[in-house]
């Protein structure tokens, strides 16, 4: 097990880089496992007396804030997509562009109840 705060500092930094890569790659299903690993590493760090500004705390804080900004932006993007999709569905017609750049409507099948005799 790690004995020094500086060792755990590097482990946490690596976990934050893994988290960053997952966010950038859209691999959000990996985030809960990374969170659990970060929590364990932070608990170990707290048990060693923690970090001071001189041995990595500022860098870790910057990495954490960077990832938080990325997650916030991703969340805003998801909300925008959901809102736009909802608007398109309510409008009843989805428009897109063809290979020549012209607008075209995509046909949407309406749900029909099929009755069998």
Protein backbone atom coordinates (compact mmCIF):
# COMPACT_ATOMS: atom_id res chain seq x y z
CA UNK A 1 0.00 0.00 0.00
CA UNK A 2 1.10 3.56 -0.50
CA UNK A 3 2.90 5.14 2.45
CA UNK A 4 3.46 8.71 1.32
CA UNK A 5 1.11 11.53 0.42
CA UNK A 6 3.17 12.17 -2.69
CA UNK A 7 2.64 8.60 -3.88
CA UNK A 8 -1.11 8.86 -3.44
CA UNK A 9 -0.94 12.27 -5.11
CA UNK A 10 0.31 10.55 -8.27
CA UNK A 11 -2.36 7.86 -8.03
CA UNK A 12 -5.10 10.49 -7.73
CA UNK A 13 -3.62 12.43 -10.64
CA UNK A 14 -3.66 9.27 -12.78
CA UNK A 15 -7.28 8.63 -11.79
CA UNK A 16 -8.18 12.18 -12.78
CA UNK A 17 -6.49 11.64 -16.15
CA UNK A 18 -8.49 8.42 -16.62
CA UNK A 19 -11.64 10.37 -15.77
CA UNK A 20 -10.69 13.08 -18.27
CA UNK A 21 -10.13 10.48 -21.00
CA UNK A 22 -13.49 8.85 -20.22
CA UNK A 23 -15.28 12.20 -20.44
CA UNK A 24 -13.55 13.15 -23.70
CA UNK A 25 -14.26 9.71 -25.14
CA UNK A 26 -17.91 9.80 -24.08
CA UNK A 27 -17.38 6.69 -21.96
CA UNK A 28 -19.62 7.88 -19.14
CA UNK A 29 -20.37 4.37 -17.90
CA UNK A 30 -16.80 4.25 -16.54
CA UNK A 31 -17.31 7.27 -14.28
CA UNK A 32 -18.98 5.51 -11.30
CA UNK A 33 -16.08 3.05 -10.96
CA UNK A 34 -13.56 5.87 -11.26
CA UNK A 35 -15.44 7.83 -8.61
CA UNK A 36 -15.23 4.90 -6.20
CA UNK A 37 -11.49 4.58 -6.83
CA UNK A 38 -10.97 8.33 -6.35
CA UNK A 39 -12.91 8.27 -3.07
CA UNK A 40 -10.74 5.41 -1.79
CA UNK A 41 -7.55 7.23 -2.81
CA UNK A 42 -8.73 10.48 -1.19
CA UNK A 43 -9.59 8.61 2.02
CA UNK A 44 -6.09 7.14 2.02
CA UNK A 45 -4.64 10.60 1.41
CA UNK A 46 -6.60 12.00 4.35
CA UNK A 47 -5.27 9.23 6.58
CA UNK A 48 -1.67 10.19 5.68
CA UNK A 49 -2.17 13.79 6.72
CA UNK A 50 -3.08 15.18 3.34
CA UNK A 51 -1.18 17.42 0.98
CA UNK A 52 0.14 20.92 1.25
CA UNK A 53 0.27 23.53 -1.50
CA UNK A 54 3.94 22.67 -2.06
CA UNK A 55 3.45 18.97 -2.81
CA UNK A 56 0.66 18.83 -5.33
CA UNK A 57 -2.55 20.11 -3.81
CA UNK A 58 -2.83 23.01 -6.25
CA UNK A 59 -2.23 20.74 -9.27
CA UNK A 60 -4.83 18.24 -8.07
CA UNK A 61 -7.33 21.02 -7.45
CA UNK A 62 -6.75 22.31 -11.00
CA UNK A 63 -7.25 18.82 -12.45
CA UNK A 64 -10.43 18.32 -10.42
CA UNK A 65 -11.81 21.68 -11.51
CA UNK A 66 -10.94 20.92 -15.16
CA UNK A 67 -12.86 17.64 -15.03
CA UNK A 68 -15.79 19.32 -13.27
CA UNK A 69 -15.99 21.93 -16.07
CA UNK A 70 -15.91 19.16 -18.67
CA UNK A 71 -18.70 17.25 -16.91
CA UNK A 72 -20.76 20.41 -16.64
CA UNK A 73 -20.33 21.07 -20.37
CA UNK A 74 -21.24 17.48 -21.24
CA UNK A 75 -24.34 17.72 -19.07
CA UNK A 76 -25.37 20.96 -20.78
CA UNK A 77 -24.87 19.25 -24.14
CA UNK A 78 -27.08 16.33 -23.13
CA UNK A 79 -29.81 18.72 -21.99
CA UNK A 80 -29.58 20.65 -25.28
CA UNK A 81 -29.92 17.46 -27.32
CA UNK A 82 -32.90 16.30 -25.28
CA UNK A 83 -34.56 19.68 -25.65
CA UNK A 84 -33.93 19.84 -29.40
CA UNK A 85 -35.12 16.29 -29.97
CA UNK A 86 -38.27 16.99 -27.97
CA UNK A 87 -38.93 20.08 -30.08
CA UNK A 88 -38.47 18.09 -33.29
CA UNK A 89 -40.76 15.30 -32.14
CA UNK A 90 -43.46 17.78 -31.13
CA UNK A 91 -43.18 19.50 -34.51
CA UNK A 92 -43.96 16.19 -36.17
CA UNK A 93 -41.35 16.55 -38.85
CA UNK A 94 -37.64 16.02 -38.75
CA UNK A 95 -35.62 17.92 -41.33
CA UNK A 96 -32.10 17.15 -42.40
CA UNK A 97 -29.78 17.90 -45.29
CA UNK A 98 -29.08 15.72 -48.30
CA UNK A 99 -25.66 15.17 -49.91
CA UNK A 100 -26.12 18.27 -52.10
CA UNK A 101 -26.88 20.45 -49.08
CA UNK A 102 -30.61 20.76 -49.71
CA UNK A 103 -33.10 20.47 -46.85
CA UNK A 104 -35.34 17.48 -46.81
CA UNK A 105 -37.91 16.14 -44.42
CA UNK A 106 -37.49 12.68 -43.04
CA UNK A 107 -40.71 10.74 -43.14
CA UNK A 108 -41.90 9.57 -39.77
CA UNK A 109 -44.24 6.69 -39.54
CA UNK A 110 -47.21 7.30 -37.34
CA UNK A 111 -48.08 4.66 -34.82
CA UNK A 112 -51.06 2.66 -35.96
CA UNK A 113 -53.13 0.16 -34.16
CA UNK A 114 -53.31 -3.00 -36.17
CA UNK A 115 -56.44 -5.03 -35.68
CA UNK A 116 -56.65 -8.66 -36.56
CA UNK A 117 -59.84 -10.46 -37.23
